[in-house]
PDB file of N, CA and C in Angstrom:
ATOM      1  N   UNK A   1      -6.074  17.940   7.696  1.00  0.00           N
ATOM      2  CA  UNK A   1      -6.103  17.372   6.356  1.00  0.00           C
ATOM      3  C   UNK A   1      -5.170  16.168   6.287  1.00  0.00           C
ATOM      4  N   UNK A   2      -5.549  15.173   5.558  1.00  0.00           N
ATOM      5  CA  UNK A   2      -4.789  13.943   5.448  1.00  0.00           C
ATOM      6  C   UNK A   2      -3.864  13.995   4.242  1.00  0.00           C
ATOM      7  N   UNK A   3      -2.749  13.260   4.340  1.00  0.00           N
ATOM      8  CA  UNK A   3      -1.771  13.206   3.263  1.00  0.00           C
ATOM      9  C   UNK A   3      -2.342  12.374   2.109  1.00  0.00           C
ATOM     10  N   UNK A   4      -2.505  13.002   0.965  1.00  0.00           N
ATOM     11  CA  UNK A   4      -3.129  12.350  -0.188  1.00  0.00           C
ATOM     12  C   UNK A   4      -2.264  11.222  -0.734  1.00  0.00           C
ATOM     13  N   UNK A   5      -0.953  11.393  -0.697  1.00  0.00           N
ATOM     14  CA  UNK A   5      -0.032  10.374  -1.213  1.00  0.00           C
ATOM     15  C   UNK A   5      -0.078   9.115  -0.339  1.00  0.00           C
ATOM     16  N   UNK A   6      -0.097   9.303   0.966  1.00  0.00           N
ATOM     17  CA  UNK A   6      -0.178   8.154   1.869  1.00  0.00           C
ATOM     18  C   UNK A   6      -1.483   7.402   1.633  1.00  0.00           C
ATOM     19  N   UNK A   7      -2.589   8.144   1.546  1.00  0.00           N
ATOM     20  CA  UNK A   7      -3.870   7.500   1.281  1.00  0.00           C
ATOM     21  C   UNK A   7      -3.823   6.749  -0.048  1.00  0.00           C
ATOM     22  N   UNK A   8      -3.294   7.378  -1.079  1.00  0.00           N
ATOM     23  CA  UNK A   8      -3.204   6.756  -2.391  1.00  0.00           C
ATOM     24  C   UNK A   8      -2.414   5.448  -2.335  1.00  0.00           C
ATOM     25  N   UNK A   9      -1.244   5.486  -1.704  1.00  0.00           N
ATOM     26  CA  UNK A   9      -0.410   4.280  -1.595  1.00  0.00           C
ATOM     27  C   UNK A   9      -1.137   3.174  -0.840  1.00  0.00           C
ATOM     28  N   UNK A  10      -1.777   3.539   0.271  1.00  0.00           N
ATOM     29  CA  UNK A  10      -2.471   2.541   1.081  1.00  0.00           C
ATOM     30  C   UNK A  10      -3.681   1.968   0.354  1.00  0.00           C
ATOM     31  N   UNK A  11      -4.449   2.822  -0.319  1.00  0.00           N
ATOM     32  CA  UNK A  11      -5.596   2.332  -1.071  1.00  0.00           C
ATOM     33  C   UNK A  11      -5.142   1.365  -2.166  1.00  0.00           C
ATOM     34  N   UNK A  12      -4.103   1.735  -2.894  1.00  0.00           N
ATOM     35  CA  UNK A  12      -3.603   0.849  -3.950  1.00  0.00           C
ATOM     36  C   UNK A  12      -3.140  -0.489  -3.384  1.00  0.00           C
ATOM     37  N   UNK A  13      -2.498  -0.446  -2.216  1.00  0.00           N
ATOM     38  CA  UNK A  13      -2.044  -1.677  -1.572  1.00  0.00           C
ATOM     39  C   UNK A  13      -3.229  -2.604  -1.294  1.00  0.00           C
ATOM     40  N   UNK A  14      -4.293  -2.074  -0.677  1.00  0.00           N
ATOM     41  CA  UNK A  14      -5.439  -2.916  -0.333  1.00  0.00           C
ATOM     42  C   UNK A  14      -6.231  -3.337  -1.563  1.00  0.00           C
ATOM     43  N   UNK A  15      -6.308  -2.488  -2.562  1.00  0.00           N
ATOM     44  CA  UNK A  15      -6.966  -2.888  -3.809  1.00  0.00           C
ATOM     45  C   UNK A  15      -6.236  -4.069  -4.438  1.00  0.00           C
ATOM     46  N   UNK A  16      -4.907  -3.967  -4.505  1.00  0.00           N
ATOM     47  CA  UNK A  16      -4.121  -5.045  -5.104  1.00  0.00           C
ATOM     48  C   UNK A  16      -4.238  -6.316  -4.272  1.00  0.00           C
ATOM     49  N   UNK A  17      -4.166  -6.168  -2.972  1.00  0.00           N
ATOM     50  CA  UNK A  17      -4.257  -7.326  -2.076  1.00  0.00           C
ATOM     51  C   UNK A  17      -5.577  -8.073  -2.273  1.00  0.00           C
ATOM     52  N   UNK A  18      -6.646  -7.337  -2.560  1.00  0.00           N
ATOM     53  CA  UNK A  18      -7.967  -7.939  -2.726  1.00  0.00           C
ATOM     54  C   UNK A  18      -8.338  -8.159  -4.196  1.00  0.00           C
ATOM     55  N   UNK A  19      -7.399  -7.904  -5.102  1.00  0.00           N
ATOM     56  CA  UNK A  19      -7.647  -8.141  -6.524  1.00  0.00           C
ATOM     57  C   UNK A  19      -8.714  -7.255  -7.113  1.00  0.00           C
ATOM     58  N   UNK A  20      -8.769  -6.017  -6.653  1.00  0.00           N
ATOM     59  CA  UNK A  20      -9.812  -5.102  -7.116  1.00  0.00           C
ATOM     60  C   UNK A  20      -9.243  -4.016  -8.026  1.00  0.00           C
ATOM     61  N   UNK A  21     -10.105  -3.499  -8.879  1.00  0.00           N
ATOM     62  CA  UNK A  21      -9.715  -2.395  -9.755  1.00  0.00           C
ATOM     63  C   UNK A  21     -10.546  -1.156  -9.401  1.00  0.00           C
ATOM     64  N   UNK A  22     -10.330  -0.094 -10.143  1.00  0.00           N
ATOM     65  CA  UNK A  22     -11.016   1.169  -9.854  1.00  0.00           C
ATOM     66  C   UNK A  22     -12.533   1.062  -9.993  1.00  0.00           C
ATOM     67  N   UNK A  23     -12.993   0.279 -10.935  1.00  0.00           N
ATOM     68  CA  UNK A  23     -14.442   0.108 -11.122  1.00  0.00           C
ATOM     69  C   UNK A  23     -15.046  -0.586  -9.904  1.00  0.00           C
ATOM     70  N   UNK A  24     -14.349  -1.595  -9.378  1.00  0.00           N
ATOM     71  CA  UNK A  24     -14.835  -2.289  -8.182  1.00  0.00           C
ATOM     72  C   UNK A  24     -14.992  -1.309  -7.016  1.00  0.00           C
ATOM     73  N   UNK A  25     -13.982  -0.472  -6.815  1.00  0.00           N
ATOM     74  CA  UNK A  25     -14.015   0.487  -5.707  1.00  0.00           C
ATOM     75  C   UNK A  25     -15.101   1.540  -5.958  1.00  0.00           C
ATOM     76  N   UNK A  26     -15.227   1.990  -7.184  1.00  0.00           N
ATOM     77  CA  UNK A  26     -16.273   2.968  -7.513  1.00  0.00           C
ATOM     78  C   UNK A  26     -17.653   2.403  -7.204  1.00  0.00           C
ATOM     79  N   UNK A  27     -17.889   1.146  -7.579  1.00  0.00           N
ATOM     80  CA  UNK A  27     -19.180   0.513  -7.306  1.00  0.00           C
ATOM     81  C   UNK A  27     -19.413   0.372  -5.800  1.00  0.00           C
ATOM     82  N   UNK A  28     -18.383  -0.011  -5.074  1.00  0.00           N
ATOM     83  CA  UNK A  28     -18.494  -0.151  -3.620  1.00  0.00           C
ATOM     84  C   UNK A  28     -18.887   1.171  -2.962  1.00  0.00           C
ATOM     85  N   UNK A  29     -18.245   2.250  -3.407  1.00  0.00           N
ATOM     86  CA  UNK A  29     -18.465   3.554  -2.787  1.00  0.00           C
ATOM     87  C   UNK A  29     -19.631   4.321  -3.381  1.00  0.00           C
ATOM     88  N   UNK A  30     -20.167   3.846  -4.505  1.00  0.00           N
ATOM     89  CA  UNK A  30     -21.269   4.549  -5.155  1.00  0.00           C
ATOM     90  C   UNK A  30     -20.832   5.868  -5.766  1.00  0.00           C
ATOM     91  N   UNK A  31     -19.633   5.876  -6.337  1.00  0.00           N
ATOM     92  CA  UNK A  31     -19.067   7.086  -6.956  1.00  0.00           C
ATOM     93  C   UNK A  31     -18.575   6.747  -8.360  1.00  0.00           C
ATOM     94  N   UNK A  32     -18.116   7.747  -9.067  1.00  0.00           N
ATOM     95  CA  UNK A  32     -17.612   7.521 -10.421  1.00  0.00           C
ATOM     96  C   UNK A  32     -16.184   6.974 -10.390  1.00  0.00           C
ATOM     97  N   UNK A  33     -15.816   6.307 -11.462  1.00  0.00           N
ATOM     98  CA  UNK A  33     -14.451   5.805 -11.617  1.00  0.00           C
ATOM     99  C   UNK A  33     -13.456   6.962 -11.618  1.00  0.00           C
ATOM    100  N   UNK A  34     -13.857   8.111 -12.138  1.00  0.00           N
ATOM    101  CA  UNK A  34     -12.943   9.264 -12.162  1.00  0.00           C
ATOM    102  C   UNK A  34     -12.633   9.756 -10.746  1.00  0.00           C
ATOM    103  N   UNK A  35     -13.589   9.631  -9.824  1.00  0.00           N
ATOM    104  CA  UNK A  35     -13.298   9.981  -8.432  1.00  0.00           C
ATOM    105  C   UNK A  35     -12.258   9.034  -7.854  1.00  0.00           C
ATOM    106  N   UNK A  36     -12.437   7.731  -8.110  1.00  0.00           N
ATOM    107  CA  UNK A  36     -11.463   6.746  -7.617  1.00  0.00           C
ATOM    108  C   UNK A  36     -10.102   7.025  -8.245  1.00  0.00           C
ATOM    109  N   UNK A  37     -10.091   7.365  -9.506  1.00  0.00           N
ATOM    110  CA  UNK A  37      -8.846   7.701 -10.186  1.00  0.00           C
ATOM    111  C   UNK A  37      -8.132   8.866  -9.497  1.00  0.00           C
ATOM    112  N   UNK A  38      -8.897   9.837  -9.055  1.00  0.00           N
ATOM    113  CA  UNK A  38      -8.280  10.981  -8.364  1.00  0.00           C
ATOM    114  C   UNK A  38      -7.693  10.568  -7.013  1.00  0.00           C
ATOM    115  N   UNK A  39      -8.288   9.545  -6.374  1.00  0.00           N
ATOM    116  CA  UNK A  39      -7.709   9.021  -5.130  1.00  0.00           C
ATOM    117  C   UNK A  39      -6.392   8.302  -5.435  1.00  0.00           C
ATOM    118  N   UNK A  40      -6.404   7.506  -6.492  1.00  0.00           N
ATOM    119  CA  UNK A  40      -5.225   6.732  -6.882  1.00  0.00           C
ATOM    120  C   UNK A  40      -4.072   7.664  -7.283  1.00  0.00           C
ATOM    121  N   UNK A  41      -4.400   8.755  -7.949  1.00  0.00           N
ATOM    122  CA  UNK A  41      -3.374   9.715  -8.372  1.00  0.00           C
ATOM    123  C   UNK A  41      -2.882  10.599  -7.229  1.00  0.00           C
ATOM    124  N   UNK A  42      -3.519  10.494  -6.066  1.00  0.00           N
ATOM    125  CA  UNK A  42      -3.137  11.324  -4.930  1.00  0.00           C
ATOM    126  C   UNK A  42      -3.620  12.755  -5.047  1.00  0.00           C
ATOM    127  N   UNK A  43      -4.696  12.966  -5.793  1.00  0.00           N
ATOM    128  CA  UNK A  43      -5.243  14.308  -5.972  1.00  0.00           C
ATOM    129  C   UNK A  43      -6.290  14.660  -4.910  1.00  0.00           C
ATOM    130  N   UNK A  44      -6.976  13.641  -4.393  1.00  0.00           N
ATOM    131  CA  UNK A  44      -8.026  13.856  -3.391  1.00  0.00           C
ATOM    132  C   UNK A  44      -8.018  12.715  -2.381  1.00  0.00           C
ATOM    133  N   UNK A  45      -8.613  12.975  -1.238  1.00  0.00           N
ATOM    134  CA  UNK A  45      -8.921  11.951  -0.241  1.00  0.00           C
ATOM    135  C   UNK A  45     -10.439  11.983  -0.086  1.00  0.00           C
ATOM    136  N   UNK A  46     -11.089  10.816  -0.042  1.00  0.00           N
ATOM    137  CA  UNK A  46     -12.552  10.817   0.063  1.00  0.00           C
ATOM    138  C   UNK A  46     -13.045  11.301   1.426  1.00  0.00           C
ATOM    139  N   UNK A  47     -14.327  11.571   1.490  1.00  0.00           N
ATOM    140  CA  UNK A  47     -14.967  11.927   2.764  1.00  0.00           C
ATOM    141  C   UNK A  47     -14.880  10.741   3.721  1.00  0.00           C
ATOM    142  N   UNK A  48     -15.046  11.026   5.002  1.00  0.00           N
ATOM    143  CA  UNK A  48     -14.908   9.981   6.015  1.00  0.00           C
ATOM    144  C   UNK A  48     -15.948   8.863   5.862  1.00  0.00           C
ATOM    145  N   UNK A  49     -17.134   9.158   5.355  1.00  0.00           N
ATOM    146  CA  UNK A  49     -18.105   8.085   5.174  1.00  0.00           C
ATOM    147  C   UNK A  49     -17.630   7.078   4.133  1.00  0.00           C
ATOM    148  N   UNK A  50     -16.928   7.559   3.107  1.00  0.00           N
ATOM    149  CA  UNK A  50     -16.381   6.662   2.078  1.00  0.00           C
ATOM    150  C   UNK A  50     -15.177   5.897   2.634  1.00  0.00           C
ATOM    151  N   UNK A  51     -14.365   6.555   3.444  1.00  0.00           N
ATOM    152  CA  UNK A  51     -13.233   5.881   4.086  1.00  0.00           C
ATOM    153  C   UNK A  51     -13.754   4.771   4.994  1.00  0.00           C
ATOM    154  N   UNK A  52     -14.838   5.036   5.721  1.00  0.00           N
ATOM    155  CA  UNK A  52     -15.427   4.018   6.595  1.00  0.00           C
ATOM    156  C   UNK A  52     -15.910   2.805   5.787  1.00  0.00           C
ATOM    157  N   UNK A  53     -16.512   3.056   4.630  1.00  0.00           N
ATOM    158  CA  UNK A  53     -16.936   1.953   3.764  1.00  0.00           C
ATOM    159  C   UNK A  53     -15.746   1.112   3.317  1.00  0.00           C
ATOM    160  N   UNK A  54     -14.667   1.779   2.930  1.00  0.00           N
ATOM    161  CA  UNK A  54     -13.459   1.053   2.524  1.00  0.00           C
ATOM    162  C   UNK A  54     -12.911   0.215   3.670  1.00  0.00           C
ATOM    163  N   UNK A  55     -12.874   0.799   4.862  1.00  0.00           N
ATOM    164  CA  UNK A  55     -12.359   0.079   6.031  1.00  0.00           C
ATOM    165  C   UNK A  55     -13.205  -1.145   6.340  1.00  0.00           C
ATOM    166  N   UNK A  56     -14.519  -0.993   6.299  1.00  0.00           N
ATOM    167  CA  UNK A  56     -15.406  -2.137   6.527  1.00  0.00           C
ATOM    168  C   UNK A  56     -15.183  -3.214   5.471  1.00  0.00           C
ATOM    169  N   UNK A  57     -15.062  -2.790   4.246  1.00  0.00           N
ATOM    170  CA  UNK A  57     -14.883  -3.717   3.126  1.00  0.00           C
ATOM    171  C   UNK A  57     -13.572  -4.493   3.248  1.00  0.00           C
ATOM    172  N   UNK A  58     -12.481  -3.796   3.577  1.00  0.00           N
ATOM    173  CA  UNK A  58     -11.166  -4.437   3.658  1.00  0.00           C
ATOM    174  C   UNK A  58     -10.871  -5.027   5.034  1.00  0.00           C
ATOM    175  N   UNK A  59     -11.738  -4.765   6.005  1.00  0.00           N
ATOM    176  CA  UNK A  59     -11.518  -5.285   7.343  1.00  0.00           C
ATOM    177  C   UNK A  59     -10.329  -4.648   8.038  1.00  0.00           C
ATOM    178  N   UNK A  60     -10.183  -3.326   7.865  1.00  0.00           N
ATOM    179  CA  UNK A  60      -9.033  -2.601   8.405  1.00  0.00           C
ATOM    180  C   UNK A  60      -9.501  -1.404   9.227  1.00  0.00           C
ATOM    181  N   UNK A  61      -8.555  -0.761   9.875  1.00  0.00           N
ATOM    182  CA  UNK A  61      -8.813   0.449  10.652  1.00  0.00           C
ATOM    183  C   UNK A  61      -8.632   1.681   9.757  1.00  0.00           C
ATOM    184  N   UNK A  62      -9.225   2.791  10.144  1.00  0.00           N
ATOM    185  CA  UNK A  62      -9.073   4.047   9.399  1.00  0.00           C
ATOM    186  C   UNK A  62      -7.587   4.410   9.275  1.00  0.00           C
ATOM    187  N   UNK A  63      -6.841   4.187  10.342  1.00  0.00           N
ATOM    188  CA  UNK A  63      -5.410   4.525  10.313  1.00  0.00           C
ATOM    189  C   UNK A  63      -4.652   3.720   9.265  1.00  0.00           C
ATOM    190  N   UNK A  64      -5.159   2.534   8.904  1.00  0.00           N
ATOM    191  CA  UNK A  64      -4.504   1.726   7.870  1.00  0.00           C
ATOM    192  C   UNK A  64      -4.569   2.401   6.502  1.00  0.00           C
ATOM    193  N   UNK A  65      -5.538   3.271   6.310  1.00  0.00           N
ATOM    194  CA  UNK A  65      -5.644   4.005   5.046  1.00  0.00           C
ATOM    195  C   UNK A  65      -5.010   5.391   5.108  1.00  0.00           C
ATOM    196  N   UNK A  66      -5.006   5.998   6.285  1.00  0.00           N
ATOM    197  CA  UNK A  66      -4.599   7.401   6.371  1.00  0.00           C
ATOM    198  C   UNK A  66      -3.193   7.635   6.922  1.00  0.00           C
ATOM    199  N   UNK A  67      -2.563   6.594   7.440  1.00  0.00           N
ATOM    200  CA  UNK A  67      -1.250   6.769   8.056  1.00  0.00           C
ATOM    201  C   UNK A  67      -0.237   5.809   7.448  1.00  0.00           C
ATOM    202  N   UNK A  68       1.018   6.217   7.508  1.00  0.00           N
ATOM    203  CA  UNK A  68       2.112   5.322   7.160  1.00  0.00           C
ATOM    204  C   UNK A  68       2.307   4.390   8.338  1.00  0.00           C
ATOM    205  N   UNK A  69       2.445   3.117   8.059  1.00  0.00           N
ATOM    206  CA  UNK A  69       2.538   2.118   9.121  1.00  0.00           C
ATOM    207  C   UNK A  69       3.952   1.575   9.249  1.00  0.00           C
ATOM    208  N   UNK A  70       4.340   1.304  10.486  1.00  0.00           N
ATOM    209  CA  UNK A  70       5.563   0.558  10.769  1.00  0.00           C
ATOM    210  C   UNK A  70       5.252  -0.922  10.586  1.00  0.00           C
ATOM    211  N   UNK A  71       6.283  -1.744  10.528  1.00  0.00           N
ATOM    212  CA  UNK A  71       6.081  -3.188  10.383  1.00  0.00           C
ATOM    213  C   UNK A  71       5.267  -3.712  11.554  1.00  0.00           C
ATOM    214  N   UNK A  72       4.239  -4.502  11.291  1.00  0.00           N
ATOM    215  CA  UNK A  72       3.407  -5.038  12.364  1.00  0.00           C
ATOM    216  C   UNK A  72       4.130  -6.132  13.119  1.00  0.00           C
ATOM    217  N   UNK A  73       3.624  -6.439  14.317  1.00  0.00           N
ATOM    218  CA  UNK A  73       4.183  -7.577  15.026  1.00  0.00           C
ATOM    219  C   UNK A  73       3.782  -8.834  14.262  1.00  0.00           C
ATOM    220  N   UNK A  74       4.462  -9.908  14.485  1.00  0.00           N
ATOM    221  CA  UNK A  74       4.194 -11.131  13.744  1.00  0.00           C
ATOM    222  C   UNK A  74       5.265 -11.321  12.695  1.00  0.00           C
ATOM    223  N   UNK A  75       4.928 -11.986  11.603  1.00  0.00           N
ATOM    224  CA  UNK A  75       5.953 -12.307  10.619  1.00  0.00           C
ATOM    225  C   UNK A  75       6.297 -11.143   9.692  1.00  0.00           C
ATOM    226  N   UNK A  76       5.479 -10.105   9.635  1.00  0.00           N
ATOM    227  CA  UNK A  76       5.782  -8.930   8.827  1.00  0.00           C
ATOM    228  C   UNK A  76       5.575  -9.128   7.338  1.00  0.00           C
ATOM    229  N   UNK A  77       4.951 -10.216   6.924  1.00  0.00           N
ATOM    230  CA  UNK A  77       4.807 -10.509   5.502  1.00  0.00           C
ATOM    231  C   UNK A  77       3.988  -9.446   4.780  1.00  0.00           C
ATOM    232  N   UNK A  78       2.926  -8.958   5.416  1.00  0.00           N
ATOM    233  CA  UNK A  78       2.084  -7.953   4.767  1.00  0.00           C
ATOM    234  C   UNK A  78       2.863  -6.652   4.557  1.00  0.00           C
ATOM    235  N   UNK A  79       3.611  -6.227   5.578  1.00  0.00           N
ATOM    236  CA  UNK A  79       4.386  -4.999   5.447  1.00  0.00           C
ATOM    237  C   UNK A  79       5.502  -5.161   4.415  1.00  0.00           C
ATOM    238  N   UNK A  80       6.099  -6.343   4.369  1.00  0.00           N
ATOM    239  CA  UNK A  80       7.142  -6.609   3.378  1.00  0.00           C
ATOM    240  C   UNK A  80       6.556  -6.486   1.973  1.00  0.00           C
ATOM    241  N   UNK A  81       5.395  -7.098   1.750  1.00  0.00           N
ATOM    242  CA  UNK A  81       4.748  -7.019   0.438  1.00  0.00           C
ATOM    243  C   UNK A  81       4.434  -5.573   0.073  1.00  0.00           C
ATOM    244  N   UNK A  82       3.948  -4.829   1.039  1.00  0.00           N
ATOM    245  CA  UNK A  82       3.612  -3.425   0.816  1.00  0.00           C
ATOM    246  C   UNK A  82       4.854  -2.620   0.431  1.00  0.00           C
ATOM    247  N   UNK A  83       5.944  -2.837   1.162  1.00  0.00           N
ATOM    248  CA  UNK A  83       7.185  -2.116   0.875  1.00  0.00           C
ATOM    249  C   UNK A  83       7.712  -2.476  -0.506  1.00  0.00           C
ATOM    250  N   UNK A  84       7.660  -3.759  -0.853  1.00  0.00           N
ATOM    251  CA  UNK A  84       8.129  -4.190  -2.167  1.00  0.00           C
ATOM    252  C   UNK A  84       7.293  -3.533  -3.258  1.00  0.00           C
ATOM    253  N   UNK A  85       5.967  -3.510  -3.080  1.00  0.00           N
ATOM    254  CA  UNK A  85       5.103  -2.868  -4.073  1.00  0.00           C
ATOM    255  C   UNK A  85       5.444  -1.395  -4.243  1.00  0.00           C
ATOM    256  N   UNK A  86       5.644  -0.698  -3.123  1.00  0.00           N
ATOM    257  CA  UNK A  86       5.959   0.727  -3.196  1.00  0.00           C
ATOM    258  C   UNK A  86       7.327   0.967  -3.831  1.00  0.00           C
ATOM    259  N   UNK A  87       8.284   0.136  -3.454  1.00  0.00           N
ATOM    260  CA  UNK A  87       9.645   0.319  -3.949  1.00  0.00           C
ATOM    261  C   UNK A  87       9.783   0.044  -5.438  1.00  0.00           C
ATOM    262  N   UNK A  88       9.123  -0.997  -5.886  1.00  0.00           N
ATOM    263  CA  UNK A  88       9.384  -1.462  -7.236  1.00  0.00           C
ATOM    264  C   UNK A  88       8.339  -1.057  -8.254  1.00  0.00           C
ATOM    265  N   UNK A  89       7.267  -0.397  -7.817  1.00  0.00           N
ATOM    266  CA  UNK A  89       6.245   0.010  -8.779  1.00  0.00           C
ATOM    267  C   UNK A  89       6.800   1.038  -9.768  1.00  0.00           C
ATOM    268  N   UNK A  90       7.690   1.910  -9.288  1.00  0.00           N
ATOM    269  CA  UNK A  90       8.269   2.925 -10.174  1.00  0.00           C
ATOM    270  C   UNK A  90       9.571   2.462 -10.824  1.00  0.00           C
ATOM    271  N   UNK A  91      10.252   1.498 -10.184  1.00  0.00           N
ATOM    272  CA  UNK A  91      11.543   1.016 -10.699  1.00  0.00           C
ATOM    273  C   UNK A  91      11.602  -0.502 -10.612  1.00  0.00           C
ATOM    274  N   UNK A  92      10.846  -1.186 -11.479  1.00  0.00           N
ATOM    275  CA  UNK A  92      10.781  -2.646 -11.389  1.00  0.00           C
ATOM    276  C   UNK A  92      12.133  -3.331 -11.589  1.00  0.00           C
ATOM    277  N   UNK A  93      13.075  -2.672 -12.240  1.00  0.00           N
ATOM    278  CA  UNK A  93      14.387  -3.286 -12.446  1.00  0.00           C
ATOM    279  C   UNK A  93      15.123  -3.513 -11.127  1.00  0.00           C
ATOM    280  N   UNK A  94      14.751  -2.768 -10.085  1.00  0.00           N
ATOM    281  CA  UNK A  94      15.406  -2.946  -8.791  1.00  0.00           C
ATOM    282  C   UNK A  94      15.013  -4.257  -8.116  1.00  0.00           C
ATOM    283  N   UNK A  95      13.888  -4.840  -8.521  1.00  0.00           N
ATOM    284  CA  UNK A  95      13.483  -6.113  -7.941  1.00  0.00           C
ATOM    285  C   UNK A  95      14.510  -7.193  -8.254  1.00  0.00           C
ATOM    286  N   UNK A  96      14.981  -7.237  -9.488  1.00  0.00           N
ATOM    287  CA  UNK A  96      15.971  -8.262  -9.830  1.00  0.00           C
ATOM    288  C   UNK A  96      17.271  -8.033  -9.059  1.00  0.00           C
ATOM    289  N   UNK A  97      17.608  -6.767  -8.798  1.00  0.00           N
ATOM    290  CA  UNK A  97      18.810  -6.478  -8.001  1.00  0.00           C
ATOM    291  C   UNK A  97      18.644  -6.995  -6.577  1.00  0.00           C
ATOM    292  N   UNK A  98      17.456  -6.805  -5.996  1.00  0.00           N
ATOM    293  CA  UNK A  98      17.208  -7.302  -4.650  1.00  0.00           C
ATOM    294  C   UNK A  98      17.254  -8.823  -4.615  1.00  0.00           C
ATOM    295  N   UNK A  99      16.646  -9.473  -5.597  1.00  0.00           N
ATOM    296  CA  UNK A  99      16.646 -10.929  -5.634  1.00  0.00           C
ATOM    297  C   UNK A  99      18.068 -11.478  -5.787  1.00  0.00           C
ATOM    298  N   UNK A 100      18.888 -10.821  -6.599  1.00  0.00           N
ATOM    299  CA  UNK A 100      20.287 -11.233  -6.742  1.00  0.00           C
ATOM    300  C   UNK A 100      21.030 -11.093  -5.419  1.00  0.00           C
ATOM    301  N   UNK A 101      20.791  -9.986  -4.709  1.00  0.00           N
ATOM    302  CA  UNK A 101      21.446  -9.769  -3.416  1.00  0.00           C
ATOM    303  C   UNK A 101      20.995 -10.812  -2.399  1.00  0.00           C
ATOM    304  N   UNK A 102      19.705 -11.138  -2.400  1.00  0.00           N
ATOM    305  CA  UNK A 102      19.209 -12.162  -1.484  1.00  0.00           C
ATOM    306  C   UNK A 102      19.836 -13.519  -1.774  1.00  0.00           C
ATOM    307  N   UNK A 103      20.018 -13.844  -3.046  1.00  0.00           N
ATOM    308  CA  UNK A 103      20.629 -15.121  -3.417  1.00  0.00           C
ATOM    309  C   UNK A 103      22.092 -15.172  -2.990  1.00  0.00           C
ATOM    310  N   UNK A 104      22.786 -14.052  -3.120  1.00  0.00           N
ATOM    311  CA  UNK A 104      24.219 -14.008  -2.793  1.00  0.00           C
ATOM    312  C   UNK A 104      24.471 -14.057  -1.290  1.00  0.00           C
ATOM    313  N   UNK A 105      23.704 -13.319  -0.511  1.00  0.00           N
ATOM    314  CA  UNK A 105      23.917 -13.256   0.945  1.00  0.00           C
ATOM    315  C   UNK A 105      22.590 -12.941   1.628  1.00  0.00           C
ATOM    316  N   UNK A 106      21.770 -13.971   1.842  1.00  0.00           N
ATOM    317  CA  UNK A 106      20.420 -13.731   2.354  1.00  0.00           C
ATOM    318  C   UNK A 106      20.369 -13.040   3.717  1.00  0.00           C
ATOM    319  N   UNK A 107      21.218 -13.437   4.648  1.00  0.00           N
ATOM    320  CA  UNK A 107      21.163 -12.849   5.988  1.00  0.00           C
ATOM    321  C   UNK A 107      21.536 -11.365   5.972  1.00  0.00           C
ATOM    322  N   UNK A 108      22.591 -11.026   5.280  1.00  0.00           N
ATOM    323  CA  UNK A 108      23.038  -9.629   5.206  1.00  0.00           C
ATOM    324  C   UNK A 108      21.979  -8.773   4.503  1.00  0.00           C
ATOM    325  N   UNK A 109      21.434  -9.274   3.412  1.00  0.00           N
ATOM    326  CA  UNK A 109      20.436  -8.527   2.659  1.00  0.00           C
ATOM    327  C   UNK A 109      19.164  -8.354   3.482  1.00  0.00           C
ATOM    328  N   UNK A 110      18.729  -9.411   4.184  1.00  0.00           N
ATOM    329  CA  UNK A 110      17.537  -9.313   5.026  1.00  0.00           C
ATOM    330  C   UNK A 110      17.751  -8.292   6.136  1.00  0.00           C
ATOM    331  N   UNK A 111      18.914  -8.284   6.743  1.00  0.00           N
ATOM    332  CA  UNK A 111      19.198  -7.318   7.816  1.00  0.00           C
ATOM    333  C   UNK A 111      19.114  -5.888   7.284  1.00  0.00           C
ATOM    334  N   UNK A 112      19.662  -5.641   6.115  1.00  0.00           N
ATOM    335  CA  UNK A 112      19.607  -4.304   5.523  1.00  0.00           C
ATOM    336  C   UNK A 112      18.165  -3.926   5.174  1.00  0.00           C
ATOM    337  N   UNK A 113      17.415  -4.881   4.646  1.00  0.00           N
ATOM    338  CA  UNK A 113      16.036  -4.597   4.275  1.00  0.00           C
ATOM    339  C   UNK A 113      15.200  -4.339   5.522  1.00  0.00           C
ATOM    340  N   UNK A 114      15.452  -5.078   6.596  1.00  0.00           N
ATOM    341  CA  UNK A 114      14.739  -4.845   7.860  1.00  0.00           C
ATOM    342  C   UNK A 114      15.000  -3.440   8.376  1.00  0.00           C
ATOM    343  N   UNK A 115      16.240  -2.974   8.263  1.00  0.00           N
ATOM    344  CA  UNK A 115      16.562  -1.597   8.669  1.00  0.00           C
ATOM    345  C   UNK A 115      15.788  -0.589   7.821  1.00  0.00           C
ATOM    346  N   UNK A 116      15.700  -0.879   6.531  1.00  0.00           N
ATOM    347  CA  UNK A 116      14.945  -0.002   5.640  1.00  0.00           C
ATOM    348  C   UNK A 116      13.464   0.033   6.037  1.00  0.00           C
ATOM    349  N   UNK A 117      12.882  -1.148   6.297  1.00  0.00           N
ATOM    350  CA  UNK A 117      11.462  -1.219   6.656  1.00  0.00           C
ATOM    351  C   UNK A 117      11.171  -0.437   7.938  1.00  0.00           C
ATOM    352  N   UNK A 118      12.137  -0.396   8.832  1.00  0.00           N
ATOM    353  CA  UNK A 118      11.934   0.337  10.086  1.00  0.00           C
ATOM    354  C   UNK A 118      11.777   1.838   9.844  1.00  0.00           C
ATOM    355  N   UNK A 119      12.215   2.327   8.696  1.00  0.00           N
ATOM    356  CA  UNK A 119      12.090   3.755   8.390  1.00  0.00           C
ATOM    357  C   UNK A 119      10.759   4.096   7.739  1.00  0.00           C
ATOM    358  N   UNK A 120      10.000   3.081   7.333  1.00  0.00           N
ATOM    359  CA  UNK A 120       8.710   3.348   6.663  1.00  0.00           C
ATOM    360  C   UNK A 120       7.677   3.846   7.641  1.00  0.00           C
TER     361      UNK A 120
END
């Protein structure tokens, strides 16, 4: 069985990245909006045929939806965006704290954030 929370977080990340809402995903998968809502809430994970449709649509691997990912090789911008979304979606006030820390000491703050990303 797959972790529903991980799937939910990953699905939300790719939906946001592609500017899509629950209705868009429901239409893509041929299911009701309430089913998509249950995926977003972390209550269910879709069948593999629906996961395959999502992967084809987003141009990603199945593991990108079902597993927690470490920072990719390259510039890491996508993983950084994902981490920021996850971190600040529940506590948006922390974003201003991070921005203040980056302004005060960018190298030190980046090093600490990189250590944090390595734990994801």
